[in-house]
């Protein structure tokens, strides 16, 4: 088998399985683990997968820019948002990050709900500006034009001065081993501060984001209290997360 054929088979295999082990690929391709390791490094350098210890893991399939993400997988984000709204109670202080799944929650908040929302997302603040009962605290900082959110020292310092009841964390990639990761360094620093200061962390992730990873680390799975997905919490693909003690919605 020539190299180009091996690389294509590796890509197809990881798209299907989300993650692969060196030993399994070595057997599948009939080559040594060292050869597979070199192939994985080459594909990782091209951004087609992420090399990890002992194998490789899929990269997140979601678009990068907010405008593209806003119209991506809308129906499944709606399912997540409907589940999330049920977890919010009157009187809470709720931290909303800049994810499009979080924006979907903001659009569904009942008009009689009385909470304080803290956010660095311009779209979230815009959706809630006319809400009669929700107080909005906007985290000012440098504008990230690809995510329509603020980031930087001022944002992080403000977050560290509050203790929200809930943090809704829009997820780019999540994996039991790699933890929660993202594609933007500055955005990930903001999310990391949100995790550190909040009493309860609720991760929002469509099923295609499970078992994927990106370059910038946010937090380990041990910090995540709940994962809300677009599928039934008893689905077989979520079993490993349930076995790890994470609440699923």
C-alpha atoms as a PDB file:
ATOM      1  CA  UNK A   1       0.000   0.000   0.000  1.00  0.00           C
ATOM      2  CA  UNK A   2       1.454   3.362  -1.009  1.00  0.00           C
ATOM      3  CA  UNK A   3       1.656   6.264   1.422  1.00  0.00           C
ATOM      4  CA  UNK A   4      -1.188   8.282  -0.116  1.00  0.00           C
ATOM      5  CA  UNK A   5      -3.530   5.319   0.262  1.00  0.00           C
ATOM      6  CA  UNK A   6      -2.534   4.916   3.926  1.00  0.00           C
ATOM      7  CA  UNK A   7      -3.164   8.563   4.674  1.00  0.00           C
ATOM      8  CA  UNK A   8      -6.595   8.466   3.055  1.00  0.00           C
ATOM      9  CA  UNK A   9      -7.549   5.338   4.990  1.00  0.00           C
ATOM     10  CA  UNK A  10      -6.439   6.947   8.252  1.00  0.00           C
ATOM     11  CA  UNK A  11      -8.564  10.033   7.512  1.00  0.00           C
ATOM     12  CA  UNK A  12     -11.614   7.923   6.647  1.00  0.00           C
ATOM     13  CA  UNK A  13     -11.148   5.749   9.731  1.00  0.00           C
ATOM     14  CA  UNK A  14     -10.897   8.676  12.142  1.00  0.00           C
ATOM     15  CA  UNK A  15     -13.915  10.408  10.594  1.00  0.00           C
ATOM     16  CA  UNK A  16     -15.911   7.281  11.327  1.00  0.00           C
ATOM     17  CA  UNK A  17     -14.497   6.317  14.732  1.00  0.00           C
ATOM     18  CA  UNK A  18     -13.518   9.795  16.038  1.00  0.00           C
ATOM     19  CA  UNK A  19     -10.300   8.374  17.525  1.00  0.00           C
ATOM     20  CA  UNK A  20      -7.719   5.723  16.642  1.00  0.00           C
ATOM     21  CA  UNK A  21      -4.897   3.855  18.375  1.00  0.00           C
ATOM     22  CA  UNK A  22      -1.475   3.271  16.843  1.00  0.00           C
ATOM     23  CA  UNK A  23      -1.748  -0.484  17.331  1.00  0.00           C
ATOM     24  CA  UNK A  24      -5.133  -0.718  15.667  1.00  0.00           C
ATOM     25  CA  UNK A  25      -3.989   1.307  12.674  1.00  0.00           C
ATOM     26  CA  UNK A  26      -0.802  -0.723  12.407  1.00  0.00           C
ATOM     27  CA  UNK A  27      -2.863  -3.898  12.129  1.00  0.00           C
ATOM     28  CA  UNK A  28      -5.397  -2.356   9.771  1.00  0.00           C
ATOM     29  CA  UNK A  29      -2.771  -0.968   7.396  1.00  0.00           C
ATOM     30  CA  UNK A  30      -0.217  -3.769   7.720  1.00  0.00           C
ATOM     31  CA  UNK A  31       2.657  -1.438   8.622  1.00  0.00           C
ATOM     32  CA  UNK A  32       4.716  -0.735  11.747  1.00  0.00           C
ATOM     33  CA  UNK A  33       3.565   1.581  14.532  1.00  0.00           C
ATOM     34  CA  UNK A  34       6.487   3.890  13.727  1.00  0.00           C
ATOM     35  CA  UNK A  35       5.167   4.271  10.179  1.00  0.00           C
ATOM     36  CA  UNK A  36       1.670   4.989  11.493  1.00  0.00           C
ATOM     37  CA  UNK A  37       3.096   7.516  13.947  1.00  0.00           C
ATOM     38  CA  UNK A  38       4.830   9.391  11.112  1.00  0.00           C
ATOM     39  CA  UNK A  39       1.632   9.322   9.036  1.00  0.00           C
ATOM     40  CA  UNK A  40      -0.392  10.718  11.939  1.00  0.00           C
ATOM     41  CA  UNK A  41       2.137  13.494  12.531  1.00  0.00           C
ATOM     42  CA  UNK A  42       1.942  14.500   8.880  1.00  0.00           C
ATOM     43  CA  UNK A  43      -1.876  14.588   8.955  1.00  0.00           C
ATOM     44  CA  UNK A  44      -1.818  16.471  12.256  1.00  0.00           C
ATOM     45  CA  UNK A  45       0.529  19.088  10.776  1.00  0.00           C
ATOM     46  CA  UNK A  46      -2.000  19.536   7.959  1.00  0.00           C
ATOM     47  CA  UNK A  47      -4.799  20.094  10.491  1.00  0.00           C
ATOM     48  CA  UNK A  48      -6.734  17.012   9.402  1.00  0.00           C
ATOM     49  CA  UNK A  49      -6.606  15.337  12.827  1.00  0.00           C
ATOM     50  CA  UNK A  50      -4.973  15.808  16.204  1.00  0.00           C
ATOM     51  CA  UNK A  51      -2.069  13.584  17.238  1.00  0.00           C
ATOM     52  CA  UNK A  52      -2.318  12.436  20.859  1.00  0.00           C
ATOM     53  CA  UNK A  53      -0.346  10.008  22.990  1.00  0.00           C
ATOM     54  CA  UNK A  54      -0.826   6.520  21.554  1.00  0.00           C
ATOM     55  CA  UNK A  55      -2.892   7.548  18.539  1.00  0.00           C
ATOM     56  CA  UNK A  56      -4.980  10.365  17.111  1.00  0.00           C
ATOM     57  CA  UNK A  57      -8.303  12.070  17.648  1.00  0.00           C
ATOM     58  CA  UNK A  58     -10.679  13.913  15.342  1.00  0.00           C
ATOM     59  CA  UNK A  59     -10.685  17.705  15.031  1.00  0.00           C
ATOM     60  CA  UNK A  60     -13.942  19.554  15.647  1.00  0.00           C
ATOM     61  CA  UNK A  61     -16.064  19.828  12.468  1.00  0.00           C
ATOM     62  CA  UNK A  62     -17.729  23.150  13.313  1.00  0.00           C
ATOM     63  CA  UNK A  63     -17.113  26.351  11.291  1.00  0.00           C
ATOM     64  CA  UNK A  64     -14.726  28.969  12.725  1.00  0.00           C
ATOM     65  CA  UNK A  65     -16.546  32.284  12.210  1.00  0.00           C
ATOM     66  CA  UNK A  66     -19.601  33.201  14.315  1.00  0.00           C
ATOM     67  CA  UNK A  67     -21.748  34.029  11.269  1.00  0.00           C
ATOM     68  CA  UNK A  68     -21.126  30.551   9.870  1.00  0.00           C
ATOM     69  CA  UNK A  69     -21.666  28.845  13.231  1.00  0.00           C
ATOM     70  CA  UNK A  70     -24.852  30.825  13.816  1.00  0.00           C
ATOM     71  CA  UNK A  71     -26.548  29.047  10.903  1.00  0.00           C
ATOM     72  CA  UNK A  72     -24.873  25.683  11.462  1.00  0.00           C
ATOM     73  CA  UNK A  73     -26.864  22.808  13.013  1.00  0.00           C
ATOM     74  CA  UNK A  74     -29.597  25.185  14.201  1.00  0.00           C
ATOM     75  CA  UNK A  75     -32.222  22.539  14.992  1.00  0.00           C
ATOM     76  CA  UNK A  76     -29.868  20.562  17.248  1.00  0.00           C
ATOM     77  CA  UNK A  77     -28.827  23.721  19.103  1.00  0.00           C
ATOM     78  CA  UNK A  78     -32.533  24.362  19.669  1.00  0.00           C
ATOM     79  CA  UNK A  79     -32.862  20.967  21.350  1.00  0.00           C
ATOM     80  CA  UNK A  80     -29.930  21.794  23.638  1.00  0.00           C
ATOM     81  CA  UNK A  81     -31.367  25.223  24.453  1.00  0.00           C
ATOM     82  CA  UNK A  82     -34.765  23.792  25.429  1.00  0.00           C
ATOM     83  CA  UNK A  83     -33.072  21.422  27.869  1.00  0.00           C
ATOM     84  CA  UNK A  84     -30.861  24.184  29.285  1.00  0.00           C
ATOM     85  CA  UNK A  85     -33.671  26.663  29.986  1.00  0.00           C
ATOM     86  CA  UNK A  86     -35.279  24.154  32.343  1.00  0.00           C
ATOM     87  CA  UNK A  87     -32.195  24.283  34.592  1.00  0.00           C
ATOM     88  CA  UNK A  88     -32.372  28.049  35.186  1.00  0.00           C
ATOM     89  CA  UNK A  89     -34.194  29.335  38.292  1.00  0.00           C
ATOM     90  CA  UNK A  90     -35.364  32.779  39.384  1.00  0.00           C
ATOM     91  CA  UNK A  91     -32.800  34.772  41.334  1.00  0.00           C
ATOM     92  CA  UNK A  92     -29.728  33.116  39.836  1.00  0.00           C
ATOM     93  CA  UNK A  93     -26.649  34.810  38.453  1.00  0.00           C
ATOM     94  CA  UNK A  94     -25.886  33.067  35.160  1.00  0.00           C
ATOM     95  CA  UNK A  95     -22.715  33.362  33.098  1.00  0.00           C
ATOM     96  CA  UNK A  96     -23.198  33.052  29.328  1.00  0.00           C
ATOM     97  CA  UNK A  97     -20.151  32.616  27.140  1.00  0.00           C
ATOM     98  CA  UNK A  98     -19.984  33.531  23.455  1.00  0.00           C
ATOM     99  CA  UNK A  99     -21.060  30.208  21.902  1.00  0.00           C
ATOM    100  CA  UNK A 100     -23.932  29.986  19.453  1.00  0.00           C
ATOM    101  CA  UNK A 101     -25.596  27.286  21.577  1.00  0.00           C
ATOM    102  CA  UNK A 102     -25.604  29.786  24.442  1.00  0.00           C
ATOM    103  CA  UNK A 103     -27.193  32.365  22.153  1.00  0.00           C
ATOM    104  CA  UNK A 104     -29.946  29.831  21.418  1.00  0.00           C
ATOM    105  CA  UNK A 105     -30.652  29.651  25.171  1.00  0.00           C
ATOM    106  CA  UNK A 106     -30.907  33.434  25.399  1.00  0.00           C
ATOM    107  CA  UNK A 107     -33.594  33.492  22.703  1.00  0.00           C
ATOM    108  CA  UNK A 108     -35.750  31.023  24.673  1.00  0.00           C
ATOM    109  CA  UNK A 109     -35.621  32.599  28.135  1.00  0.00           C
ATOM    110  CA  UNK A 110     -39.197  33.153  29.444  1.00  0.00           C
ATOM    111  CA  UNK A 111     -40.345  36.756  29.740  1.00  0.00           C
ATOM    112  CA  UNK A 112     -41.156  36.303  33.446  1.00  0.00           C
ATOM    113  CA  UNK A 113     -37.730  34.847  34.318  1.00  0.00           C
ATOM    114  CA  UNK A 114     -35.866  37.033  36.818  1.00  0.00           C
ATOM    115  CA  UNK A 115     -32.121  36.431  36.678  1.00  0.00           C
ATOM    116  CA  UNK A 116     -28.880  38.310  36.146  1.00  0.00           C
ATOM    117  CA  UNK A 117     -26.981  37.375  32.984  1.00  0.00           C
ATOM    118  CA  UNK A 118     -23.275  38.119  32.730  1.00  0.00           C
ATOM    119  CA  UNK A 119     -21.843  37.727  29.237  1.00  0.00           C
ATOM    120  CA  UNK A 120     -19.032  38.707  26.890  1.00  0.00           C
ATOM    121  CA  UNK A 121     -21.217  38.023  23.843  1.00  0.00           C
ATOM    122  CA  UNK A 122     -22.595  40.950  21.851  1.00  0.00           C
ATOM    123  CA  UNK A 123     -25.346  38.768  20.276  1.00  0.00           C
ATOM    124  CA  UNK A 124     -26.486  37.525  23.703  1.00  0.00           C
ATOM    125  CA  UNK A 125     -26.586  41.074  25.093  1.00  0.00           C
ATOM    126  CA  UNK A 126     -28.533  42.208  22.018  1.00  0.00           C
ATOM    127  CA  UNK A 127     -31.123  39.435  22.385  1.00  0.00           C
ATOM    128  CA  UNK A 128     -31.665  40.279  26.058  1.00  0.00           C
ATOM    129  CA  UNK A 129     -31.669  44.078  25.800  1.00  0.00           C
ATOM    130  CA  UNK A 130     -35.476  44.217  25.704  1.00  0.00           C
ATOM    131  CA  UNK A 131     -36.137  41.392  28.177  1.00  0.00           C
ATOM    132  CA  UNK A 132     -38.353  42.888  30.913  1.00  0.00           C
ATOM    133  CA  UNK A 133     -36.981  40.966  33.911  1.00  0.00           C
ATOM    134  CA  UNK A 134     -33.370  40.055  33.152  1.00  0.00           C
ATOM    135  CA  UNK A 135     -30.517  42.281  34.273  1.00  0.00           C
ATOM    136  CA  UNK A 136     -27.587  42.122  31.849  1.00  0.00           C
ATOM    137  CA  UNK A 137     -23.969  42.782  32.810  1.00  0.00           C
ATOM    138  CA  UNK A 138     -21.772  43.025  29.737  1.00  0.00           C
ATOM    139  CA  UNK A 139     -18.085  42.203  30.047  1.00  0.00           C
ATOM    140  CA  UNK A 140     -16.233  44.941  28.190  1.00  0.00           C
ATOM    141  CA  UNK A 141     -12.881  44.314  26.542  1.00  0.00           C
ATOM    142  CA  UNK A 142     -11.262  43.888  23.152  1.00  0.00           C
ATOM    143  CA  UNK A 143     -13.675  42.882  20.396  1.00  0.00           C
ATOM    144  CA  UNK A 144     -12.993  39.558  18.705  1.00  0.00           C
ATOM    145  CA  UNK A 145     -14.557  40.068  15.277  1.00  0.00           C
ATOM    146  CA  UNK A 146     -14.723  36.367  14.429  1.00  0.00           C
ATOM    147  CA  UNK A 147     -16.761  35.486  17.537  1.00  0.00           C
ATOM    148  CA  UNK A 148     -18.519  38.848  18.221  1.00  0.00           C
ATOM    149  CA  UNK A 149     -17.309  38.655  21.799  1.00  0.00           C
ATOM    150  CA  UNK A 150     -14.900  40.463  24.105  1.00  0.00           C
ATOM    151  CA  UNK A 151     -11.674  39.107  25.538  1.00  0.00           C
ATOM    152  CA  UNK A 152      -8.544  40.293  27.286  1.00  0.00           C
ATOM    153  CA  UNK A 153      -7.307  41.223  30.757  1.00  0.00           C
ATOM    154  CA  UNK A 154     -10.310  43.386  31.709  1.00  0.00           C
ATOM    155  CA  UNK A 155     -12.796  40.629  30.875  1.00  0.00           C
ATOM    156  CA  UNK A 156     -10.883  37.985  32.820  1.00  0.00           C
ATOM    157  CA  UNK A 157     -10.412  40.231  35.853  1.00  0.00           C
ATOM    158  CA  UNK A 158     -14.136  41.048  35.965  1.00  0.00           C
ATOM    159  CA  UNK A 159     -15.048  37.363  35.743  1.00  0.00           C
ATOM    160  CA  UNK A 160     -12.723  36.558  38.637  1.00  0.00           C
ATOM    161  CA  UNK A 161     -14.607  39.043  40.796  1.00  0.00           C
ATOM    162  CA  UNK A 162     -17.960  37.241  40.553  1.00  0.00           C
ATOM    163  CA  UNK A 163     -19.331  33.887  41.676  1.00  0.00           C
ATOM    164  CA  UNK A 164     -22.086  32.869  39.223  1.00  0.00           C
ATOM    165  CA  UNK A 165     -24.526  30.116  40.110  1.00  0.00           C
ATOM    166  CA  UNK A 166     -24.258  28.595  36.625  1.00  0.00           C
ATOM    167  CA  UNK A 167     -21.901  28.926  33.694  1.00  0.00           C
ATOM    168  CA  UNK A 168     -23.206  27.853  30.296  1.00  0.00           C
ATOM    169  CA  UNK A 169     -20.141  26.907  28.295  1.00  0.00           C
ATOM    170  CA  UNK A 170     -20.483  26.587  24.534  1.00  0.00           C
ATOM    171  CA  UNK A 171     -18.171  23.756  23.537  1.00  0.00           C
ATOM    172  CA  UNK A 172     -15.988  23.506  20.448  1.00  0.00           C
ATOM    173  CA  UNK A 173     -14.412  20.151  21.361  1.00  0.00           C
ATOM    174  CA  UNK A 174     -14.732  17.817  24.313  1.00  0.00           C
ATOM    175  CA  UNK A 175     -13.092  14.500  25.106  1.00  0.00           C
ATOM    176  CA  UNK A 176     -12.723  12.410  28.254  1.00  0.00           C
ATOM    177  CA  UNK A 177      -8.937  12.385  27.978  1.00  0.00           C
ATOM    178  CA  UNK A 178      -8.144  15.738  26.362  1.00  0.00           C
ATOM    179  CA  UNK A 179     -10.832  17.621  28.277  1.00  0.00           C
ATOM    180  CA  UNK A 180     -12.485  20.756  26.915  1.00  0.00           C
ATOM    181  CA  UNK A 181     -10.483  22.514  24.200  1.00  0.00           C
ATOM    182  CA  UNK A 182     -10.983  25.323  21.708  1.00  0.00           C
ATOM    183  CA  UNK A 183      -9.635  26.962  18.562  1.00  0.00           C
ATOM    184  CA  UNK A 184      -8.997  30.513  19.818  1.00  0.00           C
ATOM    185  CA  UNK A 185      -6.333  31.125  22.477  1.00  0.00           C
ATOM    186  CA  UNK A 186      -7.899  34.332  23.821  1.00  0.00           C
ATOM    187  CA  UNK A 187     -11.418  32.897  23.869  1.00  0.00           C
ATOM    188  CA  UNK A 188     -10.148  29.835  25.730  1.00  0.00           C
ATOM    189  CA  UNK A 189      -8.534  32.031  28.394  1.00  0.00           C
ATOM    190  CA  UNK A 190     -11.896  33.699  28.997  1.00  0.00           C
ATOM    191  CA  UNK A 191     -13.669  30.329  29.192  1.00  0.00           C
ATOM    192  CA  UNK A 192     -11.010  29.065  31.600  1.00  0.00           C
ATOM    193  CA  UNK A 193     -11.693  31.998  33.945  1.00  0.00           C
ATOM    194  CA  UNK A 194     -15.424  31.299  33.713  1.00  0.00           C
ATOM    195  CA  UNK A 195     -14.860  27.694  34.771  1.00  0.00           C
ATOM    196  CA  UNK A 196     -12.636  28.689  37.683  1.00  0.00           C
ATOM    197  CA  UNK A 197     -15.142  31.122  39.192  1.00  0.00           C
ATOM    198  CA  UNK A 198     -18.544  29.448  38.631  1.00  0.00           C
ATOM    199  CA  UNK A 199     -20.353  27.180  41.073  1.00  0.00           C
ATOM    200  CA  UNK A 200     -21.790  24.912  38.364  1.00  0.00           C
ATOM    201  CA  UNK A 201     -20.407  24.282  34.872  1.00  0.00           C
ATOM    202  CA  UNK A 202     -22.838  23.163  32.181  1.00  0.00           C
ATOM    203  CA  UNK A 203     -21.233  22.249  28.866  1.00  0.00           C
ATOM    204  CA  UNK A 204     -23.302  22.511  25.692  1.00  0.00           C
ATOM    205  CA  UNK A 205     -22.221  20.183  22.899  1.00  0.00           C
ATOM    206  CA  UNK A 206     -23.860  18.642  19.859  1.00  0.00           C
ATOM    207  CA  UNK A 207     -22.912  14.987  19.578  1.00  0.00           C
ATOM    208  CA  UNK A 208     -20.452  15.609  16.710  1.00  0.00           C
ATOM    209  CA  UNK A 209     -18.231  17.601  19.101  1.00  0.00           C
ATOM    210  CA  UNK A 210     -17.799  14.668  21.480  1.00  0.00           C
ATOM    211  CA  UNK A 211     -14.504  12.847  21.184  1.00  0.00           C
ATOM    212  CA  UNK A 212     -12.783  15.706  19.349  1.00  0.00           C
ATOM    213  CA  UNK A 213      -9.989  18.054  20.334  1.00  0.00           C
ATOM    214  CA  UNK A 214      -8.487  21.421  19.419  1.00  0.00           C
ATOM    215  CA  UNK A 215      -5.136  23.080  20.266  1.00  0.00           C
ATOM    216  CA  UNK A 216      -6.039  25.230  23.292  1.00  0.00           C
ATOM    217  CA  UNK A 217      -6.895  23.702  26.646  1.00  0.00           C
ATOM    218  CA  UNK A 218      -9.748  25.071  28.771  1.00  0.00           C
ATOM    219  CA  UNK A 219     -10.412  22.550  31.520  1.00  0.00           C
ATOM    220  CA  UNK A 220     -10.494  18.873  32.435  1.00  0.00           C
ATOM    221  CA  UNK A 221     -13.628  16.760  32.443  1.00  0.00           C
ATOM    222  CA  UNK A 222     -13.553  16.698  36.249  1.00  0.00           C
ATOM    223  CA  UNK A 223     -14.641  20.365  36.263  1.00  0.00           C
ATOM    224  CA  UNK A 224     -17.733  19.721  34.132  1.00  0.00           C
ATOM    225  CA  UNK A 225     -20.897  19.083  36.173  1.00  0.00           C
ATOM    226  CA  UNK A 226     -23.334  18.548  33.309  1.00  0.00           C
ATOM    227  CA  UNK A 227     -23.194  17.991  29.564  1.00  0.00           C
ATOM    228  CA  UNK A 228     -26.274  18.913  27.546  1.00  0.00           C
ATOM    229  CA  UNK A 229     -26.377  17.325  24.099  1.00  0.00           C
ATOM    230  CA  UNK A 230     -28.867  17.070  21.251  1.00  0.00           C
ATOM    231  CA  UNK A 231     -29.494  13.341  21.827  1.00  0.00           C
ATOM    232  CA  UNK A 232     -31.076  11.198  24.521  1.00  0.00           C
ATOM    233  CA  UNK A 233     -28.840  11.105  27.632  1.00  0.00           C
ATOM    234  CA  UNK A 234     -29.125   7.314  27.660  1.00  0.00           C
ATOM    235  CA  UNK A 235     -27.704   7.001  24.147  1.00  0.00           C
ATOM    236  CA  UNK A 236     -24.873   4.493  23.864  1.00  0.00           C
ATOM    237  CA  UNK A 237     -22.424   7.116  22.577  1.00  0.00           C
ATOM    238  CA  UNK A 238     -22.698   8.954  25.923  1.00  0.00           C
ATOM    239  CA  UNK A 239     -22.071   5.906  28.131  1.00  0.00           C
ATOM    240  CA  UNK A 240     -18.391   6.704  28.751  1.00  0.00           C
ATOM    241  CA  UNK A 241     -19.283  10.194  29.972  1.00  0.00           C
ATOM    242  CA  UNK A 242     -21.982   8.833  32.263  1.00  0.00           C
ATOM    243  CA  UNK A 243     -19.546   6.223  33.625  1.00  0.00           C
ATOM    244  CA  UNK A 244     -17.157   9.098  34.415  1.00  0.00           C
ATOM    245  CA  UNK A 245     -19.785  10.545  36.742  1.00  0.00           C
ATOM    246  CA  UNK A 246     -20.925  13.422  34.551  1.00  0.00           C
ATOM    247  CA  UNK A 247     -24.592  14.324  34.566  1.00  0.00           C
ATOM    248  CA  UNK A 248     -26.152  14.177  31.112  1.00  0.00           C
ATOM    249  CA  UNK A 249     -29.196  16.038  29.820  1.00  0.00           C
END
